[in-house]
Amino acid sequence: QLQLVESGGGLVQPGGSLRLSCAASGPTSGAVGIGWFRQAPGKEREGVSCITSSGAINYADSVKGRFTISRDNAKNTVYLEMSSLKPEDTAVYYCAARGPYWPGSIQDICSMYRTSYTYWGQGTQVTVSS
């Protein structure tokens, strides 16, 4: 069973920065693709960024150039560095992992689609407000 725990959210002023962390645990967690999603009140959960164990990445157009995703395989943690934050970035941010895993399965894929992921964290709140 793969588990994910997000942290690093908080209140920040427009133009500020935050770094979110997604700590993964469980067998094969270092060999699957990880995605960041966010959900604002009244809106659908949307993909923000994703990364594979080999370093392939993708970003939503709305965050491109402002957010940076990275992965520390030794710590089994994925980070999302957010800068130049805007009020519209306010949302609950979730990380997700692909699965289920079994030997020979292909899970190390970077996907921006919610349906590509099986395991989800509980989310961390990011609020951008002056």
N, C-alpha and C. Protein backbone atom coordinates (compact mmCIF):
# COMPACT_ATOMS: atom_id res chain seq x y z
N GLN A 1 0.83 -1.18 0.00
CA GLN A 1 0.00 0.00 0.00
C GLN A 1 0.88 1.25 0.00
N LEU A 2 0.69 2.08 -0.98
CA LEU A 2 1.46 3.31 -1.12
C LEU A 2 0.74 4.45 -0.39
N GLN A 3 1.48 5.21 0.42
CA GLN A 3 0.91 6.33 1.16
C GLN A 3 1.62 7.62 0.79
N LEU A 4 0.85 8.71 0.76
CA LEU A 4 1.35 10.02 0.40
C LEU A 4 0.93 11.03 1.46
N VAL A 5 1.86 11.91 1.84
CA VAL A 5 1.57 12.94 2.82
C VAL A 5 2.10 14.26 2.31
N GLU A 6 1.21 15.24 2.13
CA GLU A 6 1.60 16.57 1.68
C GLU A 6 1.87 17.47 2.89
N SER A 7 2.75 18.43 2.69
CA SER A 7 3.02 19.43 3.72
C SER A 7 3.57 20.69 3.05
N GLY A 8 3.60 21.78 3.80
CA GLY A 8 4.19 23.01 3.32
C GLY A 8 3.22 24.10 2.95
N GLY A 9 1.94 23.81 2.99
CA GLY A 9 0.96 24.83 2.65
C GLY A 9 0.87 25.90 3.72
N GLY A 10 0.20 26.99 3.38
CA GLY A 10 0.04 28.08 4.32
C GLY A 10 -0.50 29.31 3.65
N LEU A 11 -0.43 30.42 4.38
CA LEU A 11 -0.89 31.71 3.89
C LEU A 11 0.30 32.52 3.41
N VAL A 12 0.19 33.06 2.21
CA VAL A 12 1.27 33.83 1.63
C VAL A 12 0.69 35.01 0.86
N GLN A 13 1.42 36.11 0.81
CA GLN A 13 0.97 37.28 0.07
C GLN A 13 1.19 37.10 -1.42
N PRO A 14 0.40 37.78 -2.24
CA PRO A 14 0.65 37.72 -3.68
C PRO A 14 2.09 38.08 -4.01
N GLY A 15 2.67 37.32 -4.92
CA GLY A 15 4.07 37.50 -5.27
C GLY A 15 5.02 36.70 -4.42
N GLY A 16 4.53 36.09 -3.37
CA GLY A 16 5.36 35.31 -2.48
C GLY A 16 5.63 33.91 -2.99
N SER A 17 6.31 33.13 -2.15
CA SER A 17 6.72 31.78 -2.53
C SER A 17 6.41 30.78 -1.43
N LEU A 18 6.20 29.55 -1.83
CA LEU A 18 6.02 28.43 -0.93
C LEU A 18 6.63 27.19 -1.56
N ARG A 19 7.04 26.25 -0.73
CA ARG A 19 7.49 24.96 -1.21
C ARG A 19 6.66 23.87 -0.57
N LEU A 20 6.00 23.10 -1.41
CA LEU A 20 5.22 21.97 -0.94
C LEU A 20 6.03 20.69 -1.04
N SER A 21 5.78 19.78 -0.12
CA SER A 21 6.46 18.49 -0.12
C SER A 21 5.44 17.38 -0.16
N CYS A 22 5.78 16.32 -0.85
CA CYS A 22 4.97 15.11 -0.91
C CYS A 22 5.86 13.94 -0.55
N ALA A 23 5.67 13.43 0.65
CA ALA A 23 6.46 12.30 1.12
C ALA A 23 5.73 11.00 0.80
N ALA A 24 6.39 10.13 0.08
CA ALA A 24 5.80 8.85 -0.31
C ALA A 24 6.42 7.72 0.49
N SER A 25 5.62 6.74 0.81
CA SER A 25 6.12 5.58 1.52
C SER A 25 5.41 4.34 1.01
N GLY A 26 6.05 3.22 1.19
CA GLY A 26 5.50 1.96 0.74
C GLY A 26 6.31 1.38 -0.41
N PRO A 27 6.16 0.09 -0.63
CA PRO A 27 6.91 -0.56 -1.70
C PRO A 27 6.64 0.07 -3.06
N THR A 28 7.68 0.22 -3.83
CA THR A 28 7.65 0.70 -5.22
C THR A 28 7.33 2.19 -5.35
N SER A 29 7.24 2.93 -4.24
CA SER A 29 6.88 4.34 -4.32
C SER A 29 7.90 5.16 -5.09
N GLY A 30 9.14 4.71 -5.13
CA GLY A 30 10.17 5.43 -5.86
C GLY A 30 10.21 5.13 -7.34
N ALA A 31 9.36 4.25 -7.80
CA ALA A 31 9.38 3.82 -9.19
C ALA A 31 8.12 4.20 -9.97
N VAL A 32 7.28 5.04 -9.39
CA VAL A 32 6.04 5.43 -10.05
C VAL A 32 6.00 6.93 -10.28
N GLY A 33 5.19 7.33 -11.25
CA GLY A 33 5.01 8.75 -11.51
C GLY A 33 4.21 9.41 -10.41
N ILE A 34 4.55 10.67 -10.11
CA ILE A 34 3.88 11.45 -9.08
C ILE A 34 3.33 12.72 -9.71
N GLY A 35 2.11 13.07 -9.35
CA GLY A 35 1.50 14.29 -9.85
C GLY A 35 1.05 15.20 -8.73
N TRP A 36 1.06 16.50 -9.01
CA TRP A 36 0.48 17.51 -8.12
C TRP A 36 -0.81 18.02 -8.75
N PHE A 37 -1.85 18.08 -7.95
CA PHE A 37 -3.14 18.60 -8.38
C PHE A 37 -3.61 19.65 -7.38
N ARG A 38 -4.57 20.45 -7.79
CA ARG A 38 -5.15 21.42 -6.88
C ARG A 38 -6.64 21.55 -7.14
N GLN A 39 -7.34 21.94 -6.10
CA GLN A 39 -8.78 22.10 -6.20
C GLN A 39 -9.22 23.32 -5.40
N ALA A 40 -9.78 24.28 -6.10
CA ALA A 40 -10.34 25.47 -5.47
C ALA A 40 -11.82 25.24 -5.21
N PRO A 41 -12.40 25.96 -4.26
CA PRO A 41 -13.82 25.79 -3.96
C PRO A 41 -14.69 25.97 -5.20
N GLY A 42 -15.58 25.03 -5.43
CA GLY A 42 -16.49 25.12 -6.56
C GLY A 42 -15.89 24.75 -7.90
N LYS A 43 -14.65 24.30 -7.92
CA LYS A 43 -14.00 23.95 -9.17
C LYS A 43 -13.54 22.51 -9.16
N GLU A 44 -13.29 21.99 -10.34
CA GLU A 44 -12.80 20.64 -10.48
C GLU A 44 -11.33 20.56 -10.11
N ARG A 45 -10.91 19.40 -9.66
CA ARG A 45 -9.50 19.18 -9.38
C ARG A 45 -8.73 19.19 -10.69
N GLU A 46 -7.67 19.98 -10.74
CA GLU A 46 -6.90 20.12 -11.96
C GLU A 46 -5.44 19.76 -11.75
N GLY A 47 -4.84 19.25 -12.80
CA GLY A 47 -3.43 18.91 -12.75
C GLY A 47 -2.56 20.15 -12.74
N VAL A 48 -1.53 20.14 -11.93
CA VAL A 48 -0.58 21.24 -11.81
C VAL A 48 0.76 20.87 -12.42
N SER A 49 1.28 19.72 -12.04
CA SER A 49 2.57 19.27 -12.51
C SER A 49 2.72 17.79 -12.24
N CYS A 50 3.69 17.16 -12.90
CA CYS A 50 3.97 15.76 -12.66
C CYS A 50 5.43 15.48 -12.95
N ILE A 51 5.89 14.35 -12.43
CA ILE A 51 7.29 13.99 -12.58
C ILE A 51 7.44 12.48 -12.48
N THR A 52 8.36 11.93 -13.26
CA THR A 52 8.69 10.52 -13.18
C THR A 52 9.96 10.33 -12.37
N SER A 53 10.28 9.09 -12.08
CA SER A 53 11.50 8.81 -11.33
C SER A 53 12.75 9.18 -12.11
N SER A 54 12.65 9.20 -13.43
CA SER A 54 13.79 9.54 -14.28
C SER A 54 13.90 11.03 -14.57
N GLY A 55 12.91 11.81 -14.15
CA GLY A 55 13.00 13.25 -14.29
C GLY A 55 12.16 13.88 -15.37
N ALA A 56 11.35 13.11 -16.08
CA ALA A 56 10.42 13.70 -17.04
C ALA A 56 9.37 14.51 -16.30
N ILE A 57 9.07 15.72 -16.77
CA ILE A 57 8.16 16.61 -16.07
C ILE A 57 7.17 17.25 -17.03
N ASN A 58 6.11 17.78 -16.44
CA ASN A 58 5.12 18.53 -17.20
C ASN A 58 4.46 19.54 -16.26
N TYR A 59 3.98 20.65 -16.83
CA TYR A 59 3.32 21.69 -16.06
C TYR A 59 2.05 22.15 -16.75
N ALA A 60 1.08 22.56 -15.95
CA ALA A 60 -0.08 23.23 -16.50
C ALA A 60 0.33 24.61 -17.01
N ASP A 61 -0.33 25.08 -18.06
CA ASP A 61 0.01 26.38 -18.62
C ASP A 61 -0.13 27.50 -17.58
N SER A 62 -1.06 27.36 -16.67
CA SER A 62 -1.32 28.40 -15.69
C SER A 62 -0.19 28.59 -14.69
N VAL A 63 0.68 27.60 -14.55
CA VAL A 63 1.77 27.69 -13.58
C VAL A 63 3.14 27.64 -14.22
N LYS A 64 3.20 27.42 -15.50
CA LYS A 64 4.48 27.30 -16.20
C LYS A 64 5.31 28.57 -16.03
N GLY A 65 6.55 28.40 -15.67
CA GLY A 65 7.43 29.53 -15.44
C GLY A 65 7.42 30.04 -14.02
N ARG A 66 6.45 29.62 -13.23
CA ARG A 66 6.34 30.06 -11.84
C ARG A 66 6.56 28.92 -10.86
N PHE A 67 6.16 27.72 -11.23
CA PHE A 67 6.28 26.55 -10.36
C PHE A 67 7.38 25.65 -10.88
N THR A 68 8.06 24.97 -9.97
CA THR A 68 9.09 24.01 -10.32
C THR A 68 8.91 22.73 -9.52
N ILE A 69 8.83 21.61 -10.22
CA ILE A 69 8.70 20.33 -9.56
C ILE A 69 10.05 19.63 -9.54
N SER A 70 10.33 18.91 -8.48
CA SER A 70 11.57 18.17 -8.37
C SER A 70 11.33 16.92 -7.54
N ARG A 71 12.28 15.99 -7.62
CA ARG A 71 12.11 14.72 -6.93
C ARG A 71 13.43 14.30 -6.32
N ASP A 72 13.39 13.97 -5.04
CA ASP A 72 14.54 13.46 -4.33
C ASP A 72 14.29 11.97 -4.11
N ASN A 73 14.87 11.16 -4.96
CA ASN A 73 14.61 9.72 -4.89
C ASN A 73 15.17 9.09 -3.61
N ALA A 74 16.25 9.66 -3.08
CA ALA A 74 16.82 9.13 -1.85
C ALA A 74 15.86 9.32 -0.68
N LYS A 75 15.17 10.45 -0.66
CA LYS A 75 14.21 10.74 0.40
C LYS A 75 12.80 10.30 0.04
N ASN A 76 12.62 9.85 -1.20
CA ASN A 76 11.31 9.45 -1.69
C ASN A 76 10.29 10.58 -1.52
N THR A 77 10.71 11.76 -1.89
CA THR A 77 9.89 12.96 -1.71
C THR A 77 9.87 13.77 -3.00
N VAL A 78 8.70 14.29 -3.33
CA VAL A 78 8.53 15.17 -4.47
C VAL A 78 8.19 16.57 -3.96
N TYR A 79 8.81 17.57 -4.54
CA TYR A 79 8.62 18.95 -4.12
C TYR A 79 7.95 19.76 -5.21
N LEU A 80 7.21 20.76 -4.80
CA LEU A 80 6.65 21.73 -5.72
C LEU A 80 6.99 23.11 -5.20
N GLU A 81 7.95 23.76 -5.85
CA GLU A 81 8.33 25.12 -5.48
C GLU A 81 7.46 26.10 -6.25
N MET A 82 6.78 26.96 -5.52
CA MET A 82 5.85 27.90 -6.11
C MET A 82 6.34 29.31 -5.84
N SER A 83 6.44 30.10 -6.89
CA SER A 83 6.86 31.48 -6.78
C SER A 83 5.90 32.37 -7.55
N SER A 84 6.03 33.68 -7.34
CA SER A 84 5.14 34.65 -7.98
C SER A 84 3.68 34.24 -7.82
N LEU A 85 3.33 33.86 -6.62
CA LEU A 85 2.00 33.33 -6.37
C LEU A 85 0.92 34.39 -6.57
N LYS A 86 -0.20 33.94 -7.09
CA LYS A 86 -1.35 34.78 -7.38
C LYS A 86 -2.54 34.33 -6.55
N PRO A 87 -3.50 35.22 -6.31
CA PRO A 87 -4.70 34.80 -5.58
C PRO A 87 -5.39 33.60 -6.21
N GLU A 88 -5.36 33.50 -7.53
CA GLU A 88 -6.00 32.38 -8.20
C GLU A 88 -5.29 31.05 -7.99
N ASP A 89 -4.11 31.08 -7.37
CA ASP A 89 -3.43 29.84 -7.00
C ASP A 89 -3.98 29.25 -5.71
N THR A 90 -4.84 29.98 -5.04
CA THR A 90 -5.43 29.50 -3.80
C THR A 90 -6.23 28.23 -4.04
N ALA A 91 -5.89 27.18 -3.31
CA ALA A 91 -6.55 25.89 -3.48
C ALA A 91 -5.98 24.91 -2.47
N VAL A 92 -6.62 23.76 -2.37
CA VAL A 92 -6.03 22.63 -1.68
C VAL A 92 -5.17 21.88 -2.69
N TYR A 93 -3.93 21.66 -2.34
CA TYR A 93 -3.00 20.98 -3.23
C TYR A 93 -2.81 19.54 -2.80
N TYR A 94 -2.94 18.64 -3.75
CA TYR A 94 -2.82 17.21 -3.51
C TYR A 94 -1.69 16.63 -4.33
N CYS A 95 -1.02 15.63 -3.79
CA CYS A 95 -0.13 14.83 -4.61
C CYS A 95 -0.75 13.46 -4.81
N ALA A 96 -0.38 12.82 -5.90
CA ALA A 96 -0.96 11.55 -6.26
C ALA A 96 0.09 10.66 -6.90
N ALA A 97 -0.11 9.37 -6.78
CA ALA A 97 0.81 8.39 -7.35
C ALA A 97 0.05 7.40 -8.22
N ARG A 98 0.71 6.96 -9.26
CA ARG A 98 0.11 5.96 -10.12
C ARG A 98 0.15 4.58 -9.48
N GLY A 99 -0.72 3.73 -9.92
CA GLY A 99 -0.78 2.37 -9.44
C GLY A 99 -2.07 1.71 -9.89
N PRO A 100 -2.35 0.52 -9.41
CA PRO A 100 -1.51 -0.29 -8.53
C PRO A 100 -0.30 -0.85 -9.26
N TYR A 101 0.70 -1.17 -8.47
CA TYR A 101 1.95 -1.67 -9.02
C TYR A 101 2.04 -3.18 -8.89
N TRP A 102 2.57 -3.81 -9.90
CA TRP A 102 2.98 -5.19 -9.83
C TRP A 102 4.20 -5.36 -10.73
N PRO A 103 5.00 -6.37 -10.48
CA PRO A 103 6.21 -6.54 -11.29
C PRO A 103 5.88 -6.58 -12.78
N GLY A 104 6.57 -5.76 -13.54
CA GLY A 104 6.35 -5.68 -14.97
C GLY A 104 5.37 -4.61 -15.41
N SER A 105 4.66 -4.00 -14.46
CA SER A 105 3.71 -2.95 -14.82
C SER A 105 4.45 -1.66 -15.15
N ILE A 106 3.83 -0.83 -15.96
CA ILE A 106 4.42 0.44 -16.36
C ILE A 106 3.71 1.56 -15.60
N GLN A 107 4.37 2.09 -14.58
CA GLN A 107 3.79 3.14 -13.75
C GLN A 107 4.63 4.40 -13.70
N ASP A 108 5.81 4.37 -14.26
CA ASP A 108 6.70 5.52 -14.22
C ASP A 108 6.38 6.45 -15.38
N ILE A 109 5.21 7.05 -15.32
CA ILE A 109 4.70 7.91 -16.38
C ILE A 109 4.27 9.25 -15.79
N CYS A 110 4.53 10.32 -16.51
CA CYS A 110 4.12 11.65 -16.10
C CYS A 110 2.79 11.98 -16.77
N SER A 111 1.75 12.09 -15.97
CA SER A 111 0.42 12.37 -16.48
C SER A 111 -0.20 13.54 -15.74
N MET A 112 -0.91 14.39 -16.48
CA MET A 112 -1.60 15.53 -15.91
C MET A 112 -3.09 15.26 -15.70
N TYR A 113 -3.49 14.03 -15.87
CA TYR A 113 -4.90 13.67 -15.77
C TYR A 113 -5.19 12.96 -14.46
N ARG A 114 -6.22 13.39 -13.78
CA ARG A 114 -6.59 12.85 -12.48
C ARG A 114 -6.85 11.35 -12.53
N THR A 115 -7.44 10.89 -13.62
CA THR A 115 -7.80 9.49 -13.72
C THR A 115 -6.59 8.58 -13.89
N SER A 116 -5.42 9.15 -14.10
CA SER A 116 -4.20 8.36 -14.24
C SER A 116 -3.64 7.90 -12.91
N TYR A 117 -4.19 8.40 -11.81
CA TYR A 117 -3.62 8.16 -10.50
C TYR A 117 -4.56 7.38 -9.60
N THR A 118 -3.97 6.57 -8.76
CA THR A 118 -4.72 5.70 -7.86
C THR A 118 -4.62 6.13 -6.40
N TYR A 119 -3.44 6.56 -5.98
CA TYR A 119 -3.19 6.90 -4.59
C TYR A 119 -3.12 8.41 -4.41
N TRP A 120 -3.77 8.91 -3.37
CA TRP A 120 -3.86 10.34 -3.12
C TRP A 120 -3.55 10.68 -1.68
N GLY A 121 -2.89 11.82 -1.48
CA GLY A 121 -2.70 12.34 -0.15
C GLY A 121 -3.94 13.09 0.32
N GLN A 122 -3.87 13.62 1.54
CA GLN A 122 -5.00 14.32 2.13
C GLN A 122 -5.08 15.78 1.72
N GLY A 123 -4.03 16.32 1.16
CA GLY A 123 -4.02 17.69 0.69
C GLY A 123 -3.46 18.67 1.69
N THR A 124 -2.97 19.79 1.18
CA THR A 124 -2.47 20.88 2.01
C THR A 124 -2.99 22.20 1.45
N GLN A 125 -3.48 23.06 2.32
CA GLN A 125 -4.11 24.30 1.90
C GLN A 125 -3.07 25.36 1.57
N VAL A 126 -3.24 25.99 0.42
CA VAL A 126 -2.43 27.14 0.02
C VAL A 126 -3.38 28.31 -0.18
N THR A 127 -3.14 29.39 0.54
CA THR A 127 -3.95 30.58 0.42
C THR A 127 -3.06 31.76 0.07
N VAL A 128 -3.38 32.42 -1.03
CA VAL A 128 -2.63 33.58 -1.49
C VAL A 128 -3.52 34.80 -1.35
N SER A 129 -3.19 35.66 -0.41
CA SER A 129 -4.04 36.80 -0.11
C SER A 129 -3.22 37.89 0.57
N SER A 130 -3.57 39.14 0.28
CA SER A 130 -2.90 40.26 0.90
C SER A 130 -3.63 40.69 2.17
